[in-house]
Amino acid sequence: MPSYDFDKLREFQGKLVRIATTEGEIIAAKVLSVDEEHQDVVLEVLSTNQPERYERLGKRHLEAGWVMPFEYILHIDFEEKQGG
């Protein structure tokens, strides 16, 4: 599967989004940065349907910025409510 389009991801930087991953995770997050060179995005995860994935790493999903490679993003869209 091709990696997610960089130009499209850049539109989401600084925004609240909902991400569906190739591993079945649904994440509500704020996109902190998008790195074309490393092909990843840094997220502030606000909620997830798979919190146990983070707990296995000894953390909660709310504790840190999380790096997600473009290739794991199946779909991304703006959250309906944008802070303002």
PDB file of N, CA and C in Angstrom:
ATOM      1  N   MET A   1       0.844  -1.180   0.000  1.00  0.00           N
ATOM      2  CA  MET A   1       0.000   0.000   0.000  1.00  0.00           C
ATOM      3  C   MET A   1       0.888   1.242   0.000  1.00  0.00           C
ATOM      4  N   PRO A   2       0.611   2.217  -0.863  1.00  0.00           N
ATOM      5  CA  PRO A   2       1.443   3.426  -0.903  1.00  0.00           C
ATOM      6  C   PRO A   2       1.254   4.262   0.364  1.00  0.00           C
ATOM      7  N   SER A   3       2.296   5.005   0.716  1.00  0.00           N
ATOM      8  CA  SER A   3       2.201   5.860   1.892  1.00  0.00           C
ATOM      9  C   SER A   3       1.208   6.994   1.634  1.00  0.00           C
ATOM     10  N   TYR A   4       0.695   7.553   2.713  1.00  0.00           N
ATOM     11  CA  TYR A   4      -0.284   8.626   2.613  1.00  0.00           C
ATOM     12  C   TYR A   4       0.353   9.841   1.952  1.00  0.00           C
ATOM     13  N   ASP A   5      -0.399  10.572   1.158  1.00  0.00           N
ATOM     14  CA  ASP A   5       0.071  11.710   0.398  1.00  0.00           C
ATOM     15  C   ASP A   5       0.577  12.837   1.316  1.00  0.00           C
ATOM     16  N   PHE A   6       1.831  13.234   1.141  1.00  0.00           N
ATOM     17  CA  PHE A   6       2.435  14.252   1.988  1.00  0.00           C
ATOM     18  C   PHE A   6       1.689  15.583   1.914  1.00  0.00           C
ATOM     19  N   ASP A   7       1.351  16.034   0.713  1.00  0.00           N
ATOM     20  CA  ASP A   7       0.672  17.319   0.574  1.00  0.00           C
ATOM     21  C   ASP A   7      -0.667  17.322   1.307  1.00  0.00           C
ATOM     22  N   LYS A   8      -1.377  16.205   1.262  1.00  0.00           N
ATOM     23  CA  LYS A   8      -2.646  16.094   1.978  1.00  0.00           C
ATOM     24  C   LYS A   8      -2.407  16.137   3.480  1.00  0.00           C
ATOM     25  N   LEU A   9      -1.389  15.430   3.960  1.00  0.00           N
ATOM     26  CA  LEU A   9      -1.087  15.439   5.383  1.00  0.00           C
ATOM     27  C   LEU A   9      -0.712  16.831   5.874  1.00  0.00           C
ATOM     28  N   ARG A  10       0.013  17.565   5.070  1.00  0.00           N
ATOM     29  CA  ARG A  10       0.439  18.909   5.466  1.00  0.00           C
ATOM     30  C   ARG A  10      -0.766  19.807   5.738  1.00  0.00           C
ATOM     31  N   GLU A  11      -1.883  19.602   5.038  1.00  0.00           N
ATOM     32  CA  GLU A  11      -3.105  20.373   5.263  1.00  0.00           C
ATOM     33  C   GLU A  11      -3.638  20.190   6.680  1.00  0.00           C
ATOM     34  N   PHE A  12      -3.322  19.067   7.313  1.00  0.00           N
ATOM     35  CA  PHE A  12      -3.850  18.736   8.634  1.00  0.00           C
ATOM     36  C   PHE A  12      -2.963  19.241   9.778  1.00  0.00           C
ATOM     37  N   GLN A  13      -1.771  19.751   9.486  1.00  0.00           N
ATOM     38  CA  GLN A  13      -0.859  20.171  10.547  1.00  0.00           C
ATOM     39  C   GLN A  13      -1.504  21.243  11.418  1.00  0.00           C
ATOM     40  N   GLY A  14      -1.463  21.040  12.744  1.00  0.00           N
ATOM     41  CA  GLY A  14      -2.050  21.969  13.705  1.00  0.00           C
ATOM     42  C   GLY A  14      -3.547  21.800  13.895  1.00  0.00           C
ATOM     43  N   LYS A  15      -4.141  20.815  13.232  1.00  0.00           N
ATOM     44  CA  LYS A  15      -5.596  20.608  13.265  1.00  0.00           C
ATOM     45  C   LYS A  15      -5.967  19.355  14.048  1.00  0.00           C
ATOM     46  N   LEU A  16      -7.228  19.334  14.473  1.00  0.00           N
ATOM     47  CA  LEU A  16      -7.787  18.137  15.087  1.00  0.00           C
ATOM     48  C   LEU A  16      -8.286  17.223  13.984  1.00  0.00           C
ATOM     49  N   VAL A  17      -7.916  15.950  14.076  1.00  0.00           N
ATOM     50  CA  VAL A  17      -8.245  14.991  13.022  1.00  0.00           C
ATOM     51  C   VAL A  17      -8.742  13.675  13.610  1.00  0.00           C
ATOM     52  N   ARG A  18      -9.339  12.887  12.750  1.00  0.00           N
ATOM     53  CA  ARG A  18      -9.698  11.508  13.066  1.00  0.00           C
ATOM     54  C   ARG A  18      -8.946  10.662  12.048  1.00  0.00           C
ATOM     55  N   ILE A  19      -8.178   9.689  12.570  1.00  0.00           N
ATOM     56  CA  ILE A  19      -7.337   8.842  11.723  1.00  0.00           C
ATOM     57  C   ILE A  19      -7.783   7.393  11.851  1.00  0.00           C
ATOM     58  N   ALA A  20      -7.922   6.722  10.729  1.00  0.00           N
ATOM     59  CA  ALA A  20      -8.118   5.277  10.691  1.00  0.00           C
ATOM     60  C   ALA A  20      -6.790   4.689  10.217  1.00  0.00           C
ATOM     61  N   THR A  21      -6.285   3.701  10.968  1.00  0.00           N
ATOM     62  CA  THR A  21      -4.994   3.117  10.610  1.00  0.00           C
ATOM     63  C   THR A  21      -5.175   1.769   9.920  1.00  0.00           C
ATOM     64  N   THR A  22      -4.103   1.319   9.324  1.00  0.00           N
ATOM     65  CA  THR A  22      -4.109   0.012   8.663  1.00  0.00           C
ATOM     66  C   THR A  22      -4.235  -1.124   9.668  1.00  0.00           C
ATOM     67  N   GLU A  23      -4.061  -0.826  10.965  1.00  0.00           N
ATOM     68  CA  GLU A  23      -4.154  -1.845  12.011  1.00  0.00           C
ATOM     69  C   GLU A  23      -5.485  -1.784  12.762  1.00  0.00           C
ATOM     70  N   GLY A  24      -6.456  -1.047  12.219  1.00  0.00           N
ATOM     71  CA  GLY A  24      -7.790  -1.009  12.804  1.00  0.00           C
ATOM     72  C   GLY A  24      -7.975  -0.007  13.932  1.00  0.00           C
ATOM     73  N   GLU A  25      -6.981   0.807  14.182  1.00  0.00           N
ATOM     74  CA  GLU A  25      -7.107   1.802  15.246  1.00  0.00           C
ATOM     75  C   GLU A  25      -7.799   3.048  14.701  1.00  0.00           C
ATOM     76  N   ILE A  26      -8.675   3.621  15.516  1.00  0.00           N
ATOM     77  CA  ILE A  26      -9.318   4.897  15.203  1.00  0.00           C
ATOM     78  C   ILE A  26      -8.830   5.880  16.256  1.00  0.00           C
ATOM     79  N   ILE A  27      -8.202   6.959  15.802  1.00  0.00           N
ATOM     80  CA  ILE A  27      -7.563   7.914  16.702  1.00  0.00           C
ATOM     81  C   ILE A  27      -8.134   9.302  16.467  1.00  0.00           C
ATOM     82  N   ALA A  28      -8.487   9.988  17.544  1.00  0.00           N
ATOM     83  CA  ALA A  28      -8.758  11.425  17.503  1.00  0.00           C
ATOM     84  C   ALA A  28      -7.476  12.071  17.999  1.00  0.00           C
ATOM     85  N   ALA A  29      -6.935  13.014  17.225  1.00  0.00           N
ATOM     86  CA  ALA A  29      -5.639  13.574  17.572  1.00  0.00           C
ATOM     87  C   ALA A  29      -5.473  14.971  17.006  1.00  0.00           C
ATOM     88  N   LYS A  30      -4.461  15.654  17.526  1.00  0.00           N
ATOM     89  CA  LYS A  30      -4.011  16.906  16.936  1.00  0.00           C
ATOM     90  C   LYS A  30      -2.704  16.597  16.221  1.00  0.00           C
ATOM     91  N   VAL A  31      -2.585  17.033  14.987  1.00  0.00           N
ATOM     92  CA  VAL A  31      -1.364  16.814  14.212  1.00  0.00           C
ATOM     93  C   VAL A  31      -0.361  17.892  14.612  1.00  0.00           C
ATOM     94  N   LEU A  32       0.739  17.484  15.241  1.00  0.00           N
ATOM     95  CA  LEU A  32       1.749  18.426  15.700  1.00  0.00           C
ATOM     96  C   LEU A  32       2.747  18.768  14.604  1.00  0.00           C
ATOM     97  N   SER A  33       3.168  17.779  13.838  1.00  0.00           N
ATOM     98  CA  SER A  33       4.091  18.040  12.734  1.00  0.00           C
ATOM     99  C   SER A  33       4.013  16.919  11.706  1.00  0.00           C
ATOM    100  N   VAL A  34       4.408  17.274  10.498  1.00  0.00           N
ATOM    101  CA  VAL A  34       4.445  16.321   9.389  1.00  0.00           C
ATOM    102  C   VAL A  34       5.849  16.400   8.802  1.00  0.00           C
ATOM    103  N   ASP A  35       6.525  15.268   8.724  1.00  0.00           N
ATOM    104  CA  ASP A  35       7.918  15.235   8.291  1.00  0.00           C
ATOM    105  C   ASP A  35       8.042  14.412   7.009  1.00  0.00           C
ATOM    106  N   GLU A  36       8.224  15.114   5.907  1.00  0.00           N
ATOM    107  CA  GLU A  36       8.333  14.427   4.617  1.00  0.00           C
ATOM    108  C   GLU A  36       9.611  13.592   4.540  1.00  0.00           C
ATOM    109  N   GLU A  37      10.703  14.099   5.091  1.00  0.00           N
ATOM    110  CA  GLU A  37      11.980  13.379   5.027  1.00  0.00           C
ATOM    111  C   GLU A  37      11.896  12.024   5.712  1.00  0.00           C
ATOM    112  N   HIS A  38      11.304  11.980   6.909  1.00  0.00           N
ATOM    113  CA  HIS A  38      11.196  10.732   7.656  1.00  0.00           C
ATOM    114  C   HIS A  38       9.900   9.987   7.387  1.00  0.00           C
ATOM    115  N   GLN A  39       9.022  10.581   6.568  1.00  0.00           N
ATOM    116  CA  GLN A  39       7.753   9.946   6.188  1.00  0.00           C
ATOM    117  C   GLN A  39       6.914   9.584   7.413  1.00  0.00           C
ATOM    118  N   ASP A  40       6.785  10.563   8.348  1.00  0.00           N
ATOM    119  CA  ASP A  40       5.956  10.316   9.510  1.00  0.00           C
ATOM    120  C   ASP A  40       5.264  11.593   9.983  1.00  0.00           C
ATOM    121  N   VAL A  41       4.349  11.397  10.889  1.00  0.00           N
ATOM    122  CA  VAL A  41       3.582  12.488  11.469  1.00  0.00           C
ATOM    123  C   VAL A  41       3.619  12.333  12.989  1.00  0.00           C
ATOM    124  N   VAL A  42       3.756  13.473  13.694  1.00  0.00           N
ATOM    125  CA  VAL A  42       3.741  13.451  15.156  1.00  0.00           C
ATOM    126  C   VAL A  42       2.360  13.899  15.609  1.00  0.00           C
ATOM    127  N   LEU A  43       1.756  13.090  16.481  1.00  0.00           N
ATOM    128  CA  LEU A  43       0.378  13.313  16.924  1.00  0.00           C
ATOM    129  C   LEU A  43       0.300  13.498  18.431  1.00  0.00           C
ATOM    130  N   GLU A  44      -0.626  14.340  18.845  1.00  0.00           N
ATOM    131  CA  GLU A  44      -1.057  14.389  20.233  1.00  0.00           C
ATOM    132  C   GLU A  44      -2.350  13.583  20.262  1.00  0.00           C
ATOM    133  N   VAL A  45      -2.287  12.362  20.739  1.00  0.00           N
ATOM    134  CA  VAL A  45      -3.443  11.474  20.727  1.00  0.00           C
ATOM    135  C   VAL A  45      -4.412  11.893  21.835  1.00  0.00           C
ATOM    136  N   LEU A  46      -5.653  12.165  21.456  1.00  0.00           N
ATOM    137  CA  LEU A  46      -6.681  12.584  22.398  1.00  0.00           C
ATOM    138  C   LEU A  46      -7.560  11.417  22.814  1.00  0.00           C
ATOM    139  N   SER A  47      -7.814  10.504  21.880  1.00  0.00           N
ATOM    140  CA  SER A  47      -8.561   9.284  22.203  1.00  0.00           C
ATOM    141  C   SER A  47      -8.247   8.234  21.151  1.00  0.00           C
ATOM    142  N   THR A  48      -8.457   6.977  21.552  1.00  0.00           N
ATOM    143  CA  THR A  48      -8.189   5.842  20.668  1.00  0.00           C
ATOM    144  C   THR A  48      -9.112   4.689  21.039  1.00  0.00           C
ATOM    145  N   ASN A  49      -9.428   3.872  20.075  1.00  0.00           N
ATOM    146  CA  ASN A  49     -10.209   2.669  20.365  1.00  0.00           C
ATOM    147  C   ASN A  49      -9.307   1.511  20.799  1.00  0.00           C
ATOM    148  N   GLN A  50      -7.990   1.738  20.853  1.00  0.00           N
ATOM    149  CA  GLN A  50      -7.035   0.695  21.256  1.00  0.00           C
ATOM    150  C   GLN A  50      -6.031   1.225  22.286  1.00  0.00           C
ATOM    151  N   PRO A  51      -6.493   1.685  23.459  1.00  0.00           N
ATOM    152  CA  PRO A  51      -5.556   2.227  24.454  1.00  0.00           C
ATOM    153  C   PRO A  51      -4.533   1.202  24.931  1.00  0.00           C
ATOM    154  N   GLU A  52      -4.864  -0.078  24.824  1.00  0.00           N
ATOM    155  CA  GLU A  52      -3.930  -1.118  25.273  1.00  0.00           C
ATOM    156  C   GLU A  52      -2.631  -1.120  24.471  1.00  0.00           C
ATOM    157  N   ARG A  53      -2.660  -0.633  23.236  1.00  0.00           N
ATOM    158  CA  ARG A  53      -1.432  -0.548  22.435  1.00  0.00           C
ATOM    159  C   ARG A  53      -0.405   0.347  23.121  1.00  0.00           C
ATOM    160  N   TYR A  54      -0.850   1.409  23.732  1.00  0.00           N
ATOM    161  CA  TYR A  54       0.024   2.367  24.409  1.00  0.00           C
ATOM    162  C   TYR A  54       0.413   1.850  25.787  1.00  0.00           C
ATOM    163  N   GLU A  55      -0.530   1.206  26.454  1.00  0.00           N
ATOM    164  CA  GLU A  55      -0.279   0.653  27.785  1.00  0.00           C
ATOM    165  C   GLU A  55       0.805  -0.416  27.737  1.00  0.00           C
ATOM    166  N   ARG A  56       0.867  -1.185  26.645  1.00  0.00           N
ATOM    167  CA  ARG A  56       1.923  -2.201  26.503  1.00  0.00           C
ATOM    168  C   ARG A  56       3.312  -1.570  26.475  1.00  0.00           C
ATOM    169  N   LEU A  57       3.367  -0.294  26.103  1.00  0.00           N
ATOM    170  CA  LEU A  57       4.640   0.427  26.085  1.00  0.00           C
ATOM    171  C   LEU A  57       4.915   1.116  27.424  1.00  0.00           C
ATOM    172  N   GLY A  58       4.015   0.889  28.390  1.00  0.00           N
ATOM    173  CA  GLY A  58       4.190   1.478  29.704  1.00  0.00           C
ATOM    174  C   GLY A  58       3.741   2.921  29.791  1.00  0.00           C
ATOM    175  N   LYS A  59       2.914   3.358  28.847  1.00  0.00           N
ATOM    176  CA  LYS A  59       2.431   4.733  28.820  1.00  0.00           C
ATOM    177  C   LYS A  59       0.936   4.758  28.565  1.00  0.00           C
ATOM    178  N   ARG A  60       0.352   5.913  28.796  1.00  0.00           N
ATOM    179  CA  ARG A  60      -1.033   6.139  28.389  1.00  0.00           C
ATOM    180  C   ARG A  60      -0.996   6.938  27.095  1.00  0.00           C
ATOM    181  N   HIS A  61      -2.006   6.809  26.283  1.00  0.00           N
ATOM    182  CA  HIS A  61      -1.999   7.500  24.997  1.00  0.00           C
ATOM    183  C   HIS A  61      -1.940   9.014  25.146  1.00  0.00           C
ATOM    184  N   LEU A  62      -2.351   9.565  26.299  1.00  0.00           N
ATOM    185  CA  LEU A  62      -2.359  11.007  26.510  1.00  0.00           C
ATOM    186  C   LEU A  62      -1.023  11.558  27.010  1.00  0.00           C
ATOM    187  N   GLU A  63      -0.052  10.719  27.285  1.00  0.00           N
ATOM    188  CA  GLU A  63       1.170  11.149  27.957  1.00  0.00           C
ATOM    189  C   GLU A  63       2.240  11.757  27.078  1.00  0.00           C
ATOM    190  N   ALA A  64       2.172  11.609  25.792  1.00  0.00           N
ATOM    191  CA  ALA A  64       3.292  12.053  24.960  1.00  0.00           C
ATOM    192  C   ALA A  64       2.840  12.280  23.524  1.00  0.00           C
ATOM    193  N   GLY A  65       3.739  12.864  22.741  1.00  0.00           N
ATOM    194  CA  GLY A  65       3.514  12.919  21.303  1.00  0.00           C
ATOM    195  C   GLY A  65       3.885  11.567  20.724  1.00  0.00           C
ATOM    196  N   TRP A  66       3.118  11.108  19.762  1.00  0.00           N
ATOM    197  CA  TRP A  66       3.345   9.791  19.167  1.00  0.00           C
ATOM    198  C   TRP A  66       3.679   9.953  17.695  1.00  0.00           C
ATOM    199  N   VAL A  67       4.660   9.206  17.237  1.00  0.00           N
ATOM    200  CA  VAL A  67       5.073   9.248  15.842  1.00  0.00           C
ATOM    201  C   VAL A  67       4.377   8.123  15.093  1.00  0.00           C
ATOM    202  N   MET A  68       3.769   8.483  13.958  1.00  0.00           N
ATOM    203  CA  MET A  68       3.100   7.485  13.126  1.00  0.00           C
ATOM    204  C   MET A  68       3.650   7.578  11.697  1.00  0.00           C
ATOM    205  N   PRO A  69       4.224   6.495  11.188  1.00  0.00           N
ATOM    206  CA  PRO A  69       4.671   6.485   9.795  1.00  0.00           C
ATOM    207  C   PRO A  69       3.481   6.676   8.849  1.00  0.00           C
ATOM    208  N   PHE A  70       3.710   7.376   7.768  1.00  0.00           N
ATOM    209  CA  PHE A  70       2.655   7.614   6.772  1.00  0.00           C
ATOM    210  C   PHE A  70       1.984   6.308   6.348  1.00  0.00           C
ATOM    211  N   GLU A  71       2.775   5.243   6.219  1.00  0.00           N
ATOM    212  CA  GLU A  71       2.259   3.985   5.677  1.00  0.00           C
ATOM    213  C   GLU A  71       1.179   3.344   6.546  1.00  0.00           C
ATOM    214  N   TYR A  72       1.054   3.750   7.811  1.00  0.00           N
ATOM    215  CA  TYR A  72       0.026   3.196   8.696  1.00  0.00           C
ATOM    216  C   TYR A  72      -1.297   3.946   8.613  1.00  0.00           C
ATOM    217  N   ILE A  73      -1.310   5.059   7.895  1.00  0.00           N
ATOM    218  CA  ILE A  73      -2.531   5.864   7.795  1.00  0.00           C
ATOM    219  C   ILE A  73      -3.375   5.353   6.637  1.00  0.00           C
ATOM    220  N   LEU A  74      -4.554   4.872   6.979  1.00  0.00           N
ATOM    221  CA  LEU A  74      -5.493   4.400   5.981  1.00  0.00           C
ATOM    222  C   LEU A  74      -6.366   5.558   5.492  1.00  0.00           C
ATOM    223  N   HIS A  75      -6.841   6.365   6.463  1.00  0.00           N
ATOM    224  CA  HIS A  75      -7.697   7.506   6.140  1.00  0.00           C
ATOM    225  C   HIS A  75      -7.530   8.557   7.232  1.00  0.00           C
ATOM    226  N   ILE A  76      -7.586   9.816   6.832  1.00  0.00           N
ATOM    227  CA  ILE A  76      -7.507  10.917   7.782  1.00  0.00           C
ATOM    228  C   ILE A  76      -8.487  11.999   7.352  1.00  0.00           C
ATOM    229  N   ASP A  77      -9.175  12.581   8.323  1.00  0.00           N
ATOM    230  CA  ASP A  77     -10.135  13.630   8.019  1.00  0.00           C
ATOM    231  C   ASP A  77     -10.217  14.581   9.201  1.00  0.00           C
ATOM    232  N   PHE A  78     -10.675  15.800   8.942  1.00  0.00           N
ATOM    233  CA  PHE A  78     -10.844  16.775  10.013  1.00  0.00           C
ATOM    234  C   PHE A  78     -11.906  16.300  10.989  1.00  0.00           C
ATOM    235  N   GLU A  79     -11.684  16.589  12.285  1.00  0.00           N
ATOM    236  CA  GLU A  79     -12.714  16.377  13.302  1.00  0.00           C
ATOM    237  C   GLU A  79     -13.811  17.409  13.048  1.00  0.00           C
ATOM    238  N   GLU A  80     -15.049  17.078  13.379  1.00  0.00           N
ATOM    239  CA  GLU A  80     -16.146  18.013  13.179  1.00  0.00           C
ATOM    240  C   GLU A  80     -15.966  19.268  14.011  1.00  0.00           C
ATOM    241  N   LYS A  81     -15.535  19.111  15.268  1.00  0.00           N
ATOM    242  CA  LYS A  81     -15.347  20.258  16.147  1.00  0.00           C
ATOM    243  C   LYS A  81     -13.885  20.682  16.117  1.00  0.00           C
ATOM    244  N   GLN A  82     -13.621  21.869  15.666  1.00  0.00           N
ATOM    245  CA  GLN A  82     -12.278  22.445  15.692  1.00  0.00           C
ATOM    246  C   GLN A  82     -12.265  23.489  16.799  1.00  0.00           C
ATOM    247  N   GLY A  83     -11.244  23.405  17.645  1.00  0.00           N
ATOM    248  CA  GLY A  83     -11.117  24.392  18.715  1.00  0.00           C
ATOM    249  C   GLY A  83     -10.959  25.771  18.141  1.00  0.00           C
ATOM    250  N   GLY A  84     -11.484  26.813  18.839  1.00  0.00           N
ATOM    251  CA  GLY A  84     -11.372  28.125  18.256  1.00  0.00           C
ATOM    252  C   GLY A  84     -11.471  29.117  19.262  1.00  0.00           C
TER     253      GLY A  84
END
